[in-house]
Protein backbone atom coordinates (compact mmCIF):
# COMPACT_ATOMS: atom_id res chain seq x y z
CA MET A 1 -4.04 20.06 -23.83
CA ILE A 2 -4.54 17.65 -21.01
CA SER A 3 -7.67 17.09 -19.39
CA ILE A 4 -7.67 15.49 -16.12
CA LEU A 5 -10.09 13.87 -13.61
CA ILE A 6 -9.64 14.59 -9.96
CA THR A 7 -11.27 11.59 -7.82
CA ASP A 8 -11.01 11.96 -4.54
CA ASP A 9 -13.93 12.07 -1.32
CA HIS A 10 -12.59 15.00 0.26
CA PRO A 11 -13.65 18.62 -1.43
CA VAL A 12 -10.99 20.34 0.06
CA VAL A 13 -8.42 17.96 -1.68
CA ARG A 14 -9.88 18.57 -5.03
CA ARG A 15 -10.07 21.80 -4.34
CA GLY A 16 -6.44 22.00 -3.53
CA ILE A 17 -4.98 20.19 -6.74
CA ARG A 18 -7.34 22.06 -8.68
CA GLN A 19 -5.89 24.78 -8.14
CA ILE A 20 -2.26 23.74 -8.54
CA LEU A 21 -3.71 22.27 -12.46
CA GLU A 22 -5.06 25.85 -12.99
CA ASP A 23 -2.11 27.63 -13.45
CA GLU A 24 -0.13 25.28 -15.84
CA ALA A 25 -0.76 26.69 -19.59
CA ASN A 26 -0.76 23.03 -20.70
CA ILE A 27 -3.86 21.99 -19.15
CA GLY A 28 -7.39 22.25 -20.22
CA LEU A 29 -10.44 20.88 -18.80
CA ILE A 30 -10.26 19.79 -15.53
CA ASP A 31 -13.24 17.49 -14.08
CA GLU A 32 -13.96 16.34 -10.30
CA ALA A 33 -15.40 13.19 -9.02
CA GLY A 34 -16.04 12.04 -5.32
CA ASN A 35 -16.63 8.63 -5.61
CA GLY A 36 -16.33 5.56 -7.93
CA ILE A 37 -19.99 6.06 -9.15
CA GLU A 38 -19.23 9.73 -10.38
CA LEU A 39 -15.87 8.92 -11.85
CA LEU A 40 -17.89 6.32 -14.23
CA SER A 41 -20.19 8.96 -15.07
CA LYS A 42 -17.64 11.35 -15.70
CA LEU A 43 -15.54 8.82 -18.12
CA ASN A 44 -18.80 8.50 -20.30
CA GLU A 45 -19.13 11.97 -20.41
CA ASN A 46 -15.72 12.96 -21.10
CA THR A 47 -12.07 11.79 -22.23
CA TYR A 48 -9.42 12.25 -20.11
CA ASN A 49 -5.56 12.14 -20.64
CA VAL A 50 -4.68 11.65 -16.88
CA ILE A 51 -6.90 10.37 -14.06
CA LEU A 52 -5.72 11.28 -10.87
CA LEU A 53 -7.36 8.76 -8.23
CA ASP A 54 -7.56 8.00 -4.65
CA ILE A 55 -7.07 5.00 -2.95
CA SER A 56 -9.10 5.17 0.12
CA MET A 57 -12.98 6.16 -0.91
CA PRO A 58 -16.40 5.31 0.11
CA GLY A 59 -17.70 2.04 -1.75
CA THR A 60 -15.20 0.72 -4.46
CA SER A 61 -11.16 1.72 -3.71
CA GLY A 62 -9.51 3.24 -5.84
CA LEU A 63 -7.19 -0.30 -7.04
CA ASP A 64 -10.51 -1.60 -7.80
CA LEU A 65 -11.42 1.18 -10.03
CA ILE A 66 -8.60 0.52 -11.64
CA SER A 67 -9.74 -2.57 -14.04
CA ASP A 68 -13.37 -0.33 -14.25
CA ILE A 69 -11.29 2.94 -15.99
CA LYS A 70 -9.03 0.61 -18.07
CA LYS A 71 -12.31 -0.87 -19.71
CA VAL A 72 -14.38 2.31 -20.94
CA GLN A 73 -10.75 4.64 -21.47
CA PRO A 74 -7.91 2.12 -22.21
CA SER A 75 -5.64 5.04 -22.92
CA ALA A 76 -5.84 7.01 -19.64
CA GLY A 77 -3.35 7.49 -17.56
CA ILE A 78 -3.60 6.56 -13.84
CA LEU A 79 -2.23 8.52 -11.19
CA MET A 80 -2.51 7.47 -7.64
CA LEU A 81 -2.84 9.48 -4.79
CA SER A 82 -2.88 8.33 -1.57
CA ILE A 83 -1.81 9.43 1.94
CA TYR A 84 -0.35 5.88 2.21
CA SER A 85 3.37 5.82 1.78
CA GLU A 86 4.64 3.29 -1.19
CA ASP A 87 5.74 0.76 1.36
CA VAL A 88 1.81 0.02 1.25
CA TYR A 89 0.35 -0.01 -2.10
CA ALA A 90 2.60 1.35 -4.79
CA VAL A 91 3.55 -1.48 -6.15
CA LYS A 92 -0.06 -3.47 -6.06
CA ALA A 93 -1.04 -0.46 -7.52
CA LEU A 94 1.36 -0.44 -10.57
CA LYS A 95 0.53 -4.21 -11.02
CA TYR A 96 -3.28 -3.34 -11.24
CA GLY A 97 -2.51 -1.00 -13.70
CA ALA A 98 -1.69 2.08 -12.90
CA SER A 99 1.07 4.49 -14.46
CA GLY A 100 2.05 6.38 -11.22
CA TYR A 101 1.91 6.70 -7.51
CA LEU A 102 2.53 9.77 -5.38
CA ILE A 103 1.74 10.43 -1.50
CA LYS A 104 -0.22 13.26 -1.13
CA THR A 105 2.18 15.04 1.06
CA SER A 106 4.04 15.15 -2.08
CA ALA A 107 5.71 18.75 -3.61
CA PRO A 108 3.45 20.25 -6.11
CA GLU A 109 6.45 20.30 -8.84
CA GLU A 110 6.19 16.31 -8.30
CA LEU A 111 2.50 16.10 -8.90
CA LEU A 112 3.09 18.36 -11.95
CA THR A 113 6.00 16.08 -13.08
CA ALA A 114 3.95 13.06 -12.71
CA ILE A 115 1.01 14.56 -14.80
CA PHE A 116 2.99 15.62 -17.82
CA LYS A 117 4.83 12.08 -18.05
CA VAL A 118 1.92 10.16 -17.55
CA SER A 119 0.53 11.98 -19.91
CA LYS A 120 2.52 10.80 -22.78
CA GLY A 121 1.86 7.30 -22.11
CA GLU A 122 4.90 6.93 -19.60
CA ARG A 123 4.93 5.83 -16.02
CA TYR A 124 5.96 7.83 -13.07
CA ILE A 125 8.14 5.97 -10.68
CA SER A 126 9.74 7.96 -7.99
CA ALA A 127 13.71 6.92 -6.78
CA SER A 128 12.75 5.14 -4.10
CA LEU A 129 10.26 3.29 -5.67
CA ALA A 130 12.34 2.48 -8.16
CA GLU A 131 14.23 0.34 -5.61
CA LYS A 132 10.96 -1.31 -4.04
CA ILE A 133 9.99 -2.25 -7.91
CA ALA A 134 13.41 -4.18 -8.26
CA ASP A 135 12.81 -6.23 -4.96
CA ALA A 136 9.07 -6.71 -5.59
CA ILE A 137 7.38 -6.24 -8.85
CA GLY A 138 8.07 -9.44 -10.70
CA SER A 139 7.25 -11.96 -7.57
CA ASP A 140 4.27 -13.57 -7.20
CA THR A 141 5.21 -16.18 -4.83
CA VAL A 142 6.98 -14.03 -1.96
CA ARG A 143 4.78 -10.56 -1.05
CA PRO A 144 6.58 -8.01 0.19
CA MET A 145 4.73 -7.83 3.36
CA ARG A 146 5.78 -11.45 4.18
CA LYS A 147 8.83 -10.22 4.63
CA ILE A 148 8.55 -7.52 7.23
CA LEU A 149 5.76 -9.52 9.05
CA SER A 150 5.99 -12.34 11.27
CA THR A 151 4.27 -15.70 10.54
CA ARG A 152 2.25 -14.98 14.11
CA GLU A 153 1.50 -10.80 12.90
CA ILE A 154 -0.03 -12.69 9.99
CA GLU A 155 -2.29 -14.57 11.66
CA VAL A 156 -3.50 -11.58 13.70
CA LEU A 157 -4.10 -9.83 10.94
CA GLY A 158 -5.79 -12.30 9.39
CA LEU A 159 -8.25 -12.79 12.31
CA PHE A 160 -8.74 -8.68 12.35
CA ALA A 161 -9.73 -8.73 8.91
CA LYS A 162 -12.36 -11.65 9.97
CA GLY A 163 -13.90 -9.10 12.28
CA ARG A 164 -12.34 -10.57 15.78
CA THR A 165 -11.76 -8.12 18.51
CA VAL A 166 -8.68 -7.66 20.62
CA ALA A 167 -10.13 -10.11 23.09
CA GLN A 168 -11.55 -12.82 21.03
CA ILE A 169 -8.27 -12.91 18.99
CA ALA A 170 -6.57 -13.33 22.62
CA SER A 171 -9.05 -15.98 23.46
CA GLU A 172 -8.76 -17.92 19.74
CA LEU A 173 -4.65 -17.52 20.27
CA SER A 174 -4.54 -18.05 23.47
CA LEU A 175 -2.80 -14.73 24.78
CA SER A 176 -3.21 -11.74 26.45
CA PRO A 177 -5.37 -9.34 25.45
CA LYS A 178 -2.19 -6.73 26.01
CA THR A 179 -0.03 -9.12 23.47
CA VAL A 180 -2.81 -8.43 21.00
CA SER A 181 -2.93 -5.00 21.22
CA THR A 182 0.64 -4.76 21.23
CA TYR A 183 1.03 -7.03 18.06
CA ARG A 184 -1.61 -4.73 16.62
CA GLU A 185 0.15 -1.57 17.22
CA ARG A 186 3.38 -3.11 15.81
CA LEU A 187 1.22 -4.17 12.41
CA ILE A 188 0.55 -0.65 12.41
CA SER A 189 3.78 0.59 12.39
CA LYS A 190 5.51 -1.67 9.94
CA LEU A 191 2.93 -1.36 7.33
CA LYS A 192 2.94 2.39 7.79
CA LEU A 193 -0.99 2.17 8.41
CA LYS A 194 -3.16 4.49 11.22
CA THR A 195 -5.73 2.28 12.36
CA THR A 196 -7.83 -1.11 13.13
CA ALA A 197 -9.64 -0.04 9.86
CA ASP A 198 -6.79 0.52 7.75
CA LEU A 199 -5.06 -2.63 8.95
CA ILE A 200 -8.49 -4.81 7.82
CA ARG A 201 -8.86 -3.07 4.16
CA TYR A 202 -4.85 -3.75 4.01
CA ALA A 203 -5.58 -7.49 4.57
CA LEU A 204 -7.98 -7.89 2.47
CA LEU A 205 -6.64 -6.40 -0.51
CA GLU A 206 -3.71 -8.30 0.34
CA GLY A 207 -5.94 -11.61 0.01
CA ILE A 208 -5.89 -12.32 4.01
CA PRO A 209 -7.28 -14.43 5.29
CA ASN A 210 -7.13 -16.38 2.43
CA PRO A 211 -10.47 -18.02 0.99
């Protein structure tokens, strides 16, 4: 029997996943955690075969929790579930030690397939992600991000990560606020994000601005 810990800060999401899992005969224990603190507490109470882990949560992000999970239960398979497309975080998640990556719009059948594979100590990688990994997972010198963003876009991204406003960035780079806003929209589109907060989170995970 497979034991699973669902980690997501949205109760509705956890309930939906639980309903999918409860119909499977091969799945036994199903626990839930709403944040990193609850996750670590659960890890000290039970042993899990698979941990479903959201990336974007209050406090510590899912990516940062991977190493904490590995310290407590190194044999647990970690399957990332995210609203973000594979282009943004999948390769990074696998490099951090995750066993697989799924977007939350995936079909229930794909979720179950991924869980069963990860529970056996294997990785779950979709066909589209496999192509991205072939180009990026072995490269630490050229990040995928730097292949799709211009130097100026990365500069603007870094200033957003420093907490600058559109007006402040415009002044610092001698650009008009309208041009900076255009860069912001272009960044959101290229990185498949939704808000300025998403841009800041992404930049910090990528080490931009550099220390």
